[in-house]
Amino acid sequence: ENRLEQNIKQLKSEQFNDAYKDAIE
């Protein structure tokens, strides 16, 4: 649950798959 909340904050409104593909570092 904590990991999921961290992801929600980091991703904001972006979908995970999109953020994963676009991540440079």
mmCIF file of all heavy atoms, coordinates in Angstrom:
data_MODEL
# 
_entry.id   MODEL 
# 
loop_
_atom_site.group_PDB 
_atom_site.id 
_atom_site.type_symbol 
_atom_site.label_atom_id 
_atom_site.label_alt_id 
_atom_site.label_comp_id 
_atom_site.label_asym_id 
_atom_site.label_entity_id 
_atom_site.label_seq_id 
_atom_site.pdbx_PDB_ins_code 
_atom_site.Cartn_x 
_atom_site.Cartn_y 
_atom_site.Cartn_z 
_atom_site.occupancy 
_atom_site.B_iso_or_equiv 
_atom_site.pdbx_formal_charge 
_atom_site.auth_seq_id 
_atom_site.auth_comp_id 
_atom_site.auth_asym_id 
_atom_site.auth_atom_id 
_atom_site.pdbx_PDB_model_num 
ATOM 1   N N   . GLU A 1 1  ? 0.830  -1.212 0.000   1.00 0.00 ? 1  GLU A N   1 
ATOM 2   C CA  . GLU A 1 1  ? 0.000  0.000  0.000   1.00 0.00 ? 1  GLU A CA  1 
ATOM 3   C C   . GLU A 1 1  ? 0.864  1.261  0.000   1.00 0.00 ? 1  GLU A C   1 
ATOM 4   O O   . GLU A 1 1  ? 0.593  2.215  -0.726  1.00 0.00 ? 1  GLU A O   1 
ATOM 5   C CB  . GLU A 1 1  ? -0.923 -0.003 1.218   1.00 0.00 ? 1  GLU A CB  1 
ATOM 6   C CG  . GLU A 1 1  ? -1.900 1.158  1.245   1.00 0.00 ? 1  GLU A CG  1 
ATOM 7   C CD  . GLU A 1 1  ? -2.838 1.095  2.434   1.00 0.00 ? 1  GLU A CD  1 
ATOM 8   O OE1 . GLU A 1 1  ? -2.377 0.703  3.542   1.00 0.00 ? 1  GLU A OE1 1 
ATOM 9   O OE2 . GLU A 1 1  ? -4.020 1.435  2.284   1.00 0.00 ? 1  GLU A OE2 1 
ATOM 10  N N   . ASN A 1 2  ? 1.924  1.261  0.801   1.00 0.00 ? 2  ASN A N   1 
ATOM 11  C CA  . ASN A 1 2  ? 2.832  2.414  0.843   1.00 0.00 ? 2  ASN A CA  1 
ATOM 12  C C   . ASN A 1 2  ? 3.534  2.627  -0.493  1.00 0.00 ? 2  ASN A C   1 
ATOM 13  O O   . ASN A 1 2  ? 3.678  3.761  -0.959  1.00 0.00 ? 2  ASN A O   1 
ATOM 14  C CB  . ASN A 1 2  ? 3.874  2.222  1.952   1.00 0.00 ? 2  ASN A CB  1 
ATOM 15  C CG  . ASN A 1 2  ? 3.283  2.344  3.342   1.00 0.00 ? 2  ASN A CG  1 
ATOM 16  O OD1 . ASN A 1 2  ? 2.197  2.903  3.518   1.00 0.00 ? 2  ASN A OD1 1 
ATOM 17  N ND2 . ASN A 1 2  ? 3.968  1.804  4.341   1.00 0.00 ? 2  ASN A ND2 1 
ATOM 18  N N   . ARG A 1 3  ? 3.982  1.527  -1.118  1.00 0.00 ? 3  ARG A N   1 
ATOM 19  C CA  . ARG A 1 3  ? 4.633  1.629  -2.423  1.00 0.00 ? 3  ARG A CA  1 
ATOM 20  C C   . ARG A 1 3  ? 3.664  2.187  -3.464  1.00 0.00 ? 3  ARG A C   1 
ATOM 21  O O   . ARG A 1 3  ? 4.035  3.000  -4.309  1.00 0.00 ? 3  ARG A O   1 
ATOM 22  C CB  . ARG A 1 3  ? 5.134  0.252  -2.871  1.00 0.00 ? 3  ARG A CB  1 
ATOM 23  C CG  . ARG A 1 3  ? 6.277  -0.303 -2.040  1.00 0.00 ? 3  ARG A CG  1 
ATOM 24  C CD  . ARG A 1 3  ? 7.581  0.441  -2.340  1.00 0.00 ? 3  ARG A CD  1 
ATOM 25  N NE  . ARG A 1 3  ? 8.710  -0.241 -1.760  1.00 0.00 ? 3  ARG A NE  1 
ATOM 26  C CZ  . ARG A 1 3  ? 9.178  -0.036 -0.531  1.00 0.00 ? 3  ARG A CZ  1 
ATOM 27  N NH1 . ARG A 1 3  ? 8.568  0.859  0.250   1.00 0.00 ? 3  ARG A NH1 1 
ATOM 28  N NH2 . ARG A 1 3  ? 10.233 -0.700 -0.086  1.00 0.00 ? 3  ARG A NH2 1 
ATOM 29  N N   . LEU A 1 4  ? 2.419  1.739  -3.402  1.00 0.00 ? 4  LEU A N   1 
ATOM 30  C CA  . LEU A 1 4  ? 1.412  2.200  -4.351  1.00 0.00 ? 4  LEU A CA  1 
ATOM 31  C C   . LEU A 1 4  ? 1.135  3.690  -4.170  1.00 0.00 ? 4  LEU A C   1 
ATOM 32  O O   . LEU A 1 4  ? 1.012  4.436  -5.144  1.00 0.00 ? 4  LEU A O   1 
ATOM 33  C CB  . LEU A 1 4  ? 0.129  1.393  -4.191  1.00 0.00 ? 4  LEU A CB  1 
ATOM 34  C CG  . LEU A 1 4  ? -0.958 1.602  -5.243  1.00 0.00 ? 4  LEU A CG  1 
ATOM 35  C CD1 . LEU A 1 4  ? -0.436 1.265  -6.635  1.00 0.00 ? 4  LEU A CD1 1 
ATOM 36  C CD2 . LEU A 1 4  ? -2.186 0.750  -4.919  1.00 0.00 ? 4  LEU A CD2 1 
ATOM 37  N N   . GLU A 1 5  ? 1.072  4.131  -2.929  1.00 0.00 ? 5  GLU A N   1 
ATOM 38  C CA  . GLU A 1 5  ? 0.849  5.556  -2.654  1.00 0.00 ? 5  GLU A CA  1 
ATOM 39  C C   . GLU A 1 5  ? 2.016  6.397  -3.163  1.00 0.00 ? 5  GLU A C   1 
ATOM 40  O O   . GLU A 1 5  ? 1.821  7.497  -3.691  1.00 0.00 ? 5  GLU A O   1 
ATOM 41  C CB  . GLU A 1 5  ? 0.646  5.772  -1.151  1.00 0.00 ? 5  GLU A CB  1 
ATOM 42  C CG  . GLU A 1 5  ? -0.696 5.239  -0.639  1.00 0.00 ? 5  GLU A CG  1 
ATOM 43  C CD  . GLU A 1 5  ? -0.855 5.405  0.863   1.00 0.00 ? 5  GLU A CD  1 
ATOM 44  O OE1 . GLU A 1 5  ? 0.125  5.857  1.519   1.00 0.00 ? 5  GLU A OE1 1 
ATOM 45  O OE2 . GLU A 1 5  ? -1.930 5.090  1.387   1.00 0.00 ? 5  GLU A OE2 1 
ATOM 46  N N   . GLN A 1 6  ? 3.226  5.896  -3.006  1.00 0.00 ? 6  GLN A N   1 
ATOM 47  C CA  . GLN A 1 6  ? 4.401  6.610  -3.529  1.00 0.00 ? 6  GLN A CA  1 
ATOM 48  C C   . GLN A 1 6  ? 4.318  6.738  -5.040  1.00 0.00 ? 6  GLN A C   1 
ATOM 49  O O   . GLN A 1 6  ? 4.638  7.788  -5.606  1.00 0.00 ? 6  GLN A O   1 
ATOM 50  C CB  . GLN A 1 6  ? 5.682  5.873  -3.112  1.00 0.00 ? 6  GLN A CB  1 
ATOM 51  C CG  . GLN A 1 6  ? 5.990  5.927  -1.621  1.00 0.00 ? 6  GLN A CG  1 
ATOM 52  C CD  . GLN A 1 6  ? 7.129  5.006  -1.223  1.00 0.00 ? 6  GLN A CD  1 
ATOM 53  O OE1 . GLN A 1 6  ? 7.817  4.441  -2.074  1.00 0.00 ? 6  GLN A OE1 1 
ATOM 54  N NE2 . GLN A 1 6  ? 7.325  4.826  0.073   1.00 0.00 ? 6  GLN A NE2 1 
ATOM 55  N N   . ASN A 1 7  ? 3.892  5.662  -5.714  1.00 0.00 ? 7  ASN A N   1 
ATOM 56  C CA  . ASN A 1 7  ? 3.745  5.708  -7.168  1.00 0.00 ? 7  ASN A CA  1 
ATOM 57  C C   . ASN A 1 7  ? 2.688  6.713  -7.594  1.00 0.00 ? 7  ASN A C   1 
ATOM 58  O O   . ASN A 1 7  ? 2.871  7.446  -8.572  1.00 0.00 ? 7  ASN A O   1 
ATOM 59  C CB  . ASN A 1 7  ? 3.377  4.321  -7.708  1.00 0.00 ? 7  ASN A CB  1 
ATOM 60  C CG  . ASN A 1 7  ? 4.599  3.469  -8.026  1.00 0.00 ? 7  ASN A CG  1 
ATOM 61  O OD1 . ASN A 1 7  ? 5.721  3.823  -7.649  1.00 0.00 ? 7  ASN A OD1 1 
ATOM 62  N ND2 . ASN A 1 7  ? 4.389  2.365  -8.696  1.00 0.00 ? 7  ASN A ND2 1 
ATOM 63  N N   . ILE A 1 8  ? 1.581  6.734  -6.871  1.00 0.00 ? 8  ILE A N   1 
ATOM 64  C CA  . ILE A 1 8  ? 0.498  7.658  -7.215  1.00 0.00 ? 8  ILE A CA  1 
ATOM 65  C C   . ILE A 1 8  ? 0.983  9.105  -7.136  1.00 0.00 ? 8  ILE A C   1 
ATOM 66  O O   . ILE A 1 8  ? 0.696  9.929  -8.011  1.00 0.00 ? 8  ILE A O   1 
ATOM 67  C CB  . ILE A 1 8  ? -0.715 7.440  -6.284  1.00 0.00 ? 8  ILE A CB  1 
ATOM 68  C CG1 . ILE A 1 8  ? -1.361 6.083  -6.595  1.00 0.00 ? 8  ILE A CG1 1 
ATOM 69  C CG2 . ILE A 1 8  ? -1.739 8.561  -6.445  1.00 0.00 ? 8  ILE A CG2 1 
ATOM 70  C CD1 . ILE A 1 8  ? -2.453 5.682  -5.624  1.00 0.00 ? 8  ILE A CD1 1 
ATOM 71  N N   . LYS A 1 9  ? 1.771  9.402  -6.096  1.00 0.00 ? 9  LYS A N   1 
ATOM 72  C CA  . LYS A 1 9  ? 2.318  10.755 -5.953  1.00 0.00 ? 9  LYS A CA  1 
ATOM 73  C C   . LYS A 1 9  ? 3.312  11.069 -7.067  1.00 0.00 ? 9  LYS A C   1 
ATOM 74  O O   . LYS A 1 9  ? 3.325  12.167 -7.614  1.00 0.00 ? 9  LYS A O   1 
ATOM 75  C CB  . LYS A 1 9  ? 2.988  10.899 -4.588  1.00 0.00 ? 9  LYS A CB  1 
ATOM 76  C CG  . LYS A 1 9  ? 2.022  10.901 -3.412  1.00 0.00 ? 9  LYS A CG  1 
ATOM 77  C CD  . LYS A 1 9  ? 2.763  11.025 -2.095  1.00 0.00 ? 9  LYS A CD  1 
ATOM 78  C CE  . LYS A 1 9  ? 1.802  11.011 -0.916  1.00 0.00 ? 9  LYS A CE  1 
ATOM 79  N NZ  . LYS A 1 9  ? 2.523  11.080 0.381   1.00 0.00 ? 9  LYS A NZ  1 
ATOM 80  N N   . GLN A 1 10 ? 4.160  10.092 -7.393  1.00 0.00 ? 10 GLN A N   1 
ATOM 81  C CA  . GLN A 1 10 ? 5.184  10.321 -8.417  1.00 0.00 ? 10 GLN A CA  1 
ATOM 82  C C   . GLN A 1 10 ? 4.573  10.444 -9.814  1.00 0.00 ? 10 GLN A C   1 
ATOM 83  O O   . GLN A 1 10 ? 4.974  11.302 -10.607 1.00 0.00 ? 10 GLN A O   1 
ATOM 84  C CB  . GLN A 1 10 ? 6.200  9.179  -8.403  1.00 0.00 ? 10 GLN A CB  1 
ATOM 85  C CG  . GLN A 1 10 ? 7.294  9.313  -9.457  1.00 0.00 ? 10 GLN A CG  1 
ATOM 86  C CD  . GLN A 1 10 ? 8.246  8.120  -9.466  1.00 0.00 ? 10 GLN A CD  1 
ATOM 87  O OE1 . GLN A 1 10 ? 8.238  7.297  -8.556  1.00 0.00 ? 10 GLN A OE1 1 
ATOM 88  N NE2 . GLN A 1 10 ? 9.081  8.031  -10.492 1.00 0.00 ? 10 GLN A NE2 1 
ATOM 89  N N   . LEU A 1 11 ? 3.594  9.589  -10.103 1.00 0.00 ? 11 LEU A N   1 
ATOM 90  C CA  . LEU A 1 11 ? 3.014  9.562  -11.442 1.00 0.00 ? 11 LEU A CA  1 
ATOM 91  C C   . LEU A 1 11 ? 2.011  10.681 -11.664 1.00 0.00 ? 11 LEU A C   1 
ATOM 92  O O   . LEU A 1 11 ? 1.722  11.052 -12.801 1.00 0.00 ? 11 LEU A O   1 
ATOM 93  C CB  . LEU A 1 11 ? 2.323  8.209  -11.677 1.00 0.00 ? 11 LEU A CB  1 
ATOM 94  C CG  . LEU A 1 11 ? 3.229  6.976  -11.685 1.00 0.00 ? 11 LEU A CG  1 
ATOM 95  C CD1 . LEU A 1 11 ? 2.403  5.704  -11.698 1.00 0.00 ? 11 LEU A CD1 1 
ATOM 96  C CD2 . LEU A 1 11 ? 4.171  7.005  -12.882 1.00 0.00 ? 11 LEU A CD2 1 
ATOM 97  N N   . LYS A 1 12 ? 1.440  11.182 -10.526 1.00 0.00 ? 12 LYS A N   1 
ATOM 98  C CA  . LYS A 1 12 ? 0.385  12.194 -10.619 1.00 0.00 ? 12 LYS A CA  1 
ATOM 99  C C   . LYS A 1 12 ? -0.756 11.636 -11.459 1.00 0.00 ? 12 LYS A C   1 
ATOM 100 O O   . LYS A 1 12 ? -1.324 10.617 -11.134 1.00 0.00 ? 12 LYS A O   1 
ATOM 101 C CB  . LYS A 1 12 ? 0.963  13.488 -11.160 1.00 0.00 ? 12 LYS A CB  1 
ATOM 102 C CG  . LYS A 1 12 ? 2.041  14.072 -10.240 1.00 0.00 ? 12 LYS A CG  1 
ATOM 103 C CD  . LYS A 1 12 ? 2.674  15.320 -10.790 1.00 0.00 ? 12 LYS A CD  1 
ATOM 104 C CE  . LYS A 1 12 ? 3.751  15.818 -9.844  1.00 0.00 ? 12 LYS A CE  1 
ATOM 105 N NZ  . LYS A 1 12 ? 4.458  17.005 -10.337 1.00 0.00 ? 12 LYS A NZ  1 
ATOM 106 N N   . SER A 1 13 ? -1.095 12.245 -12.558 1.00 0.00 ? 13 SER A N   1 
ATOM 107 C CA  . SER A 1 13 ? -2.218 11.743 -13.349 1.00 0.00 ? 13 SER A CA  1 
ATOM 108 C C   . SER A 1 13 ? -1.768 10.856 -14.509 1.00 0.00 ? 13 SER A C   1 
ATOM 109 O O   . SER A 1 13 ? -2.586 10.394 -15.300 1.00 0.00 ? 13 SER A O   1 
ATOM 110 C CB  . SER A 1 13 ? -3.037 12.920 -13.895 1.00 0.00 ? 13 SER A CB  1 
ATOM 111 O OG  . SER A 1 13 ? -2.224 13.740 -14.725 1.00 0.00 ? 13 SER A OG  1 
ATOM 112 N N   . GLU A 1 14 ? -0.457 10.595 -14.599 1.00 0.00 ? 14 GLU A N   1 
ATOM 113 C CA  . GLU A 1 14 ? 0.070  9.823  -15.722 1.00 0.00 ? 14 GLU A CA  1 
ATOM 114 C C   . GLU A 1 14 ? -0.100 8.330  -15.483 1.00 0.00 ? 14 GLU A C   1 
ATOM 115 O O   . GLU A 1 14 ? -0.028 7.845  -14.357 1.00 0.00 ? 14 GLU A O   1 
ATOM 116 C CB  . GLU A 1 14 ? 1.553  10.150 -15.935 1.00 0.00 ? 14 GLU A CB  1 
ATOM 117 C CG  . GLU A 1 14 ? 2.128  9.624  -17.243 1.00 0.00 ? 14 GLU A CG  1 
ATOM 118 C CD  . GLU A 1 14 ? 3.560  10.104 -17.479 1.00 0.00 ? 14 GLU A CD  1 
ATOM 119 O OE1 . GLU A 1 14 ? 4.134  10.713 -16.564 1.00 0.00 ? 14 GLU A OE1 1 
ATOM 120 O OE2 . GLU A 1 14 ? 4.073  9.854  -18.580 1.00 0.00 ? 14 GLU A OE2 1 
ATOM 121 N N   . GLN A 1 15 ? -0.336 7.598  -16.554 1.00 0.00 ? 15 GLN A N   1 
ATOM 122 C CA  . GLN A 1 15 ? -0.417 6.144  -16.482 1.00 0.00 ? 15 GLN A CA  1 
ATOM 123 C C   . GLN A 1 15 ? 0.978  5.560  -16.310 1.00 0.00 ? 15 GLN A C   1 
ATOM 124 O O   . GLN A 1 15 ? 1.956  6.065  -16.871 1.00 0.00 ? 15 GLN A O   1 
ATOM 125 C CB  . GLN A 1 15 ? -1.056 5.583  -17.752 1.00 0.00 ? 15 GLN A CB  1 
ATOM 126 C CG  . GLN A 1 15 ? -2.512 5.964  -17.939 1.00 0.00 ? 15 GLN A CG  1 
ATOM 127 C CD  . GLN A 1 15 ? -3.440 5.169  -17.043 1.00 0.00 ? 15 GLN A CD  1 
ATOM 128 O OE1 . GLN A 1 15 ? -3.388 3.947  -17.004 1.00 0.00 ? 15 GLN A OE1 1 
ATOM 129 N NE2 . GLN A 1 15 ? -4.297 5.869  -16.315 1.00 0.00 ? 15 GLN A NE2 1 
ATOM 130 N N   . PHE A 1 16 ? 1.062  4.447  -15.554 1.00 0.00 ? 16 PHE A N   1 
ATOM 131 C CA  . PHE A 1 16 ? 2.366  3.854  -15.267 1.00 0.00 ? 16 PHE A CA  1 
ATOM 132 C C   . PHE A 1 16 ? 3.111  3.470  -16.541 1.00 0.00 ? 16 PHE A C   1 
ATOM 133 O O   . PHE A 1 16 ? 4.301  3.752  -16.680 1.00 0.00 ? 16 PHE A O   1 
ATOM 134 C CB  . PHE A 1 16 ? 2.195  2.620  -14.371 1.00 0.00 ? 16 PHE A CB  1 
ATOM 135 C CG  . PHE A 1 16 ? 3.486  1.893  -14.121 1.00 0.00 ? 16 PHE A CG  1 
ATOM 136 C CD1 . PHE A 1 16 ? 4.356  2.322  -13.128 1.00 0.00 ? 16 PHE A CD1 1 
ATOM 137 C CD2 . PHE A 1 16 ? 3.848  0.792  -14.879 1.00 0.00 ? 16 PHE A CD2 1 
ATOM 138 C CE1 . PHE A 1 16 ? 5.562  1.661  -12.897 1.00 0.00 ? 16 PHE A CE1 1 
ATOM 139 C CE2 . PHE A 1 16 ? 5.051  0.131  -14.659 1.00 0.00 ? 16 PHE A CE2 1 
ATOM 140 C CZ  . PHE A 1 16 ? 5.908  0.570  -13.659 1.00 0.00 ? 16 PHE A CZ  1 
ATOM 141 N N   . ASN A 1 17 ? 2.432  2.798  -17.475 1.00 0.00 ? 17 ASN A N   1 
ATOM 142 C CA  . ASN A 1 17 ? 3.105  2.335  -18.696 1.00 0.00 ? 17 ASN A CA  1 
ATOM 143 C C   . ASN A 1 17 ? 3.711  3.490  -19.481 1.00 0.00 ? 17 ASN A C   1 
ATOM 144 O O   . ASN A 1 17 ? 4.819  3.378  -20.023 1.00 0.00 ? 17 ASN A O   1 
ATOM 145 C CB  . ASN A 1 17 ? 2.126  1.565  -19.577 1.00 0.00 ? 17 ASN A CB  1 
ATOM 146 C CG  . ASN A 1 17 ? 1.866  0.157  -19.064 1.00 0.00 ? 17 ASN A CG  1 
ATOM 147 O OD1 . ASN A 1 17 ? 2.602  -0.330 -18.219 1.00 0.00 ? 17 ASN A OD1 1 
ATOM 148 N ND2 . ASN A 1 17 ? 0.830  -0.468 -19.560 1.00 0.00 ? 17 ASN A ND2 1 
ATOM 149 N N   . ASP A 1 18 ? 3.001  4.609  -19.546 1.00 0.00 ? 18 ASP A N   1 
ATOM 150 C CA  . ASP A 1 18 ? 3.512  5.773  -20.262 1.00 0.00 ? 18 ASP A CA  1 
ATOM 151 C C   . ASP A 1 18 ? 4.739  6.341  -19.566 1.00 0.00 ? 18 ASP A C   1 
ATOM 152 O O   . ASP A 1 18 ? 5.740  6.676  -20.211 1.00 0.00 ? 18 ASP A O   1 
ATOM 153 C CB  . ASP A 1 18 ? 2.426  6.850  -20.376 1.00 0.00 ? 18 ASP A CB  1 
ATOM 154 C CG  . ASP A 1 18 ? 1.249  6.389  -21.234 1.00 0.00 ? 18 ASP A CG  1 
ATOM 155 O OD1 . ASP A 1 18 ? 1.465  5.517  -22.092 1.00 0.00 ? 18 ASP A OD1 1 
ATOM 156 O OD2 . ASP A 1 18 ? 0.135  6.898  -21.025 1.00 0.00 ? 18 ASP A OD2 1 
ATOM 157 N N   . ALA A 1 19 ? 4.674  6.444  -18.243 1.00 0.00 ? 19 ALA A N   1 
ATOM 158 C CA  . ALA A 1 19 ? 5.801  6.987  -17.480 1.00 0.00 ? 19 ALA A CA  1 
ATOM 159 C C   . ALA A 1 19 ? 7.011  6.070  -17.568 1.00 0.00 ? 19 ALA A C   1 
ATOM 160 O O   . ALA A 1 19 ? 8.154  6.525  -17.625 1.00 0.00 ? 19 ALA A O   1 
ATOM 161 C CB  . ALA A 1 19 ? 5.391  7.185  -16.019 1.00 0.00 ? 19 ALA A CB  1 
ATOM 162 N N   . TYR A 1 20 ? 6.760  4.753  -17.597 1.00 0.00 ? 20 TYR A N   1 
ATOM 163 C CA  . TYR A 1 20 ? 7.846  3.776  -17.668 1.00 0.00 ? 20 TYR A CA  1 
ATOM 164 C C   . TYR A 1 20 ? 8.584  3.881  -18.997 1.00 0.00 ? 20 TYR A C   1 
ATOM 165 O O   . TYR A 1 20 ? 9.817  3.849  -19.053 1.00 0.00 ? 20 TYR A O   1 
ATOM 166 C CB  . TYR A 1 20 ? 7.268  2.375  -17.483 1.00 0.00 ? 20 TYR A CB  1 
ATOM 167 C CG  . TYR A 1 20 ? 8.284  1.324  -17.118 1.00 0.00 ? 20 TYR A CG  1 
ATOM 168 C CD1 . TYR A 1 20 ? 8.635  1.106  -15.794 1.00 0.00 ? 20 TYR A CD1 1 
ATOM 169 C CD2 . TYR A 1 20 ? 8.880  0.530  -18.094 1.00 0.00 ? 20 TYR A CD2 1 
ATOM 170 C CE1 . TYR A 1 20 ? 9.559  0.144  -15.454 1.00 0.00 ? 20 TYR A CE1 1 
ATOM 171 C CE2 . TYR A 1 20 ? 9.802  -0.453 -17.759 1.00 0.00 ? 20 TYR A CE2 1 
ATOM 172 C CZ  . TYR A 1 20 ? 10.139 -0.638 -16.440 1.00 0.00 ? 20 TYR A CZ  1 
ATOM 173 O OH  . TYR A 1 20 ? 11.051 -1.595 -16.101 1.00 0.00 ? 20 TYR A OH  1 
ATOM 174 N N   . LYS A 1 21 ? 7.814  4.035  -20.077 1.00 0.00 ? 21 LYS A N   1 
ATOM 175 C CA  . LYS A 1 21 ? 8.417  4.146  -21.408 1.00 0.00 ? 21 LYS A CA  1 
ATOM 176 C C   . LYS A 1 21 ? 9.171  5.462  -21.577 1.00 0.00 ? 21 LYS A C   1 
ATOM 177 O O   . LYS A 1 21 ? 10.206 5.515  -22.249 1.00 0.00 ? 21 LYS A O   1 
ATOM 178 C CB  . LYS A 1 21 ? 7.333  4.034  -22.476 1.00 0.00 ? 21 LYS A CB  1 
ATOM 179 C CG  . LYS A 1 21 ? 6.695  2.662  -22.567 1.00 0.00 ? 21 LYS A CG  1 
ATOM 180 C CD  . LYS A 1 21 ? 5.547  2.666  -23.568 1.00 0.00 ? 21 LYS A CD  1 
ATOM 181 C CE  . LYS A 1 21 ? 4.831  1.323  -23.604 1.00 0.00 ? 21 LYS A CE  1 
ATOM 182 N NZ  . LYS A 1 21 ? 3.654  1.359  -24.510 1.00 0.00 ? 21 LYS A NZ  1 
ATOM 183 N N   . ASP A 1 22 ? 8.650  6.530  -20.978 1.00 0.00 ? 22 ASP A N   1 
ATOM 184 C CA  . ASP A 1 22 ? 9.223  7.863  -21.177 1.00 0.00 ? 22 ASP A CA  1 
ATOM 185 C C   . ASP A 1 22 ? 10.384 8.171  -20.230 1.00 0.00 ? 22 ASP A C   1 
ATOM 186 O O   . ASP A 1 22 ? 11.086 9.168  -20.415 1.00 0.00 ? 22 ASP A O   1 
ATOM 187 C CB  . ASP A 1 22 ? 8.140  8.939  -20.986 1.00 0.00 ? 22 ASP A CB  1 
ATOM 188 C CG  . ASP A 1 22 ? 7.034  8.819  -22.035 1.00 0.00 ? 22 ASP A CG  1 
ATOM 189 O OD1 . ASP A 1 22 ? 7.284  8.190  -23.077 1.00 0.00 ? 22 ASP A OD1 1 
ATOM 190 O OD2 . ASP A 1 22 ? 5.925  9.343  -21.792 1.00 0.00 ? 22 ASP A OD2 1 
ATOM 191 N N   . ALA A 1 23 ? 10.587 7.322  -19.201 1.00 0.00 ? 23 ALA A N   1 
ATOM 192 C CA  . ALA A 1 23 ? 11.628 7.591  -18.207 1.00 0.00 ? 23 ALA A CA  1 
ATOM 193 C C   . ALA A 1 23 ? 13.008 7.568  -18.856 1.00 0.00 ? 23 ALA A C   1 
ATOM 194 O O   . ALA A 1 23 ? 13.374 6.606  -19.533 1.00 0.00 ? 23 ALA A O   1 
ATOM 195 C CB  . ALA A 1 23 ? 11.551 6.568  -17.081 1.00 0.00 ? 23 ALA A CB  1 
ATOM 196 N N   . ILE A 1 24 ? 13.765 8.637  -18.651 1.00 0.00 ? 24 ILE A N   1 
ATOM 197 C CA  . ILE A 1 24 ? 15.098 8.736  -19.233 1.00 0.00 ? 24 ILE A CA  1 
ATOM 198 C C   . ILE A 1 24 ? 16.145 8.140  -18.306 1.00 0.00 ? 24 ILE A C   1 
ATOM 199 O O   . ILE A 1 24 ? 17.047 7.408  -18.728 1.00 0.00 ? 24 ILE A O   1 
ATOM 200 C CB  . ILE A 1 24 ? 15.434 10.210 -19.530 1.00 0.00 ? 24 ILE A CB  1 
ATOM 201 C CG1 . ILE A 1 24 ? 14.435 10.782 -20.550 1.00 0.00 ? 24 ILE A CG1 1 
ATOM 202 C CG2 . ILE A 1 24 ? 16.857 10.344 -20.056 1.00 0.00 ? 24 ILE A CG2 1 
ATOM 203 C CD1 . ILE A 1 24 ? 14.598 12.262 -20.792 1.00 0.00 ? 24 ILE A CD1 1 
ATOM 204 N N   . GLU A 1 25 ? 16.044 8.424  -17.015 1.00 0.00 ? 25 GLU A N   1 
ATOM 205 C CA  . GLU A 1 25 ? 17.034 7.926  -16.056 1.00 0.00 ? 25 GLU A CA  1 
ATOM 206 C C   . GLU A 1 25 ? 16.405 6.916  -15.089 1.00 0.00 ? 25 GLU A C   1 
ATOM 207 O O   . GLU A 1 25 ? 16.575 5.717  -15.253 1.00 0.00 ? 25 GLU A O   1 
ATOM 208 C CB  . GLU A 1 25 ? 17.659 9.105  -15.298 1.00 0.00 ? 25 GLU A CB  1 
ATOM 209 C CG  . GLU A 1 25 ? 18.472 10.038 -16.194 1.00 0.00 ? 25 GLU A CG  1 
ATOM 210 C CD  . GLU A 1 25 ? 19.111 11.165 -15.416 1.00 0.00 ? 25 GLU A CD  1 
ATOM 211 O OE1 . GLU A 1 25 ? 18.884 11.250 -14.204 1.00 0.00 ? 25 GLU A OE1 1 
ATOM 212 O OE2 . GLU A 1 25 ? 19.838 11.958 -16.033 1.00 0.00 ? 25 GLU A OE2 1 
# 
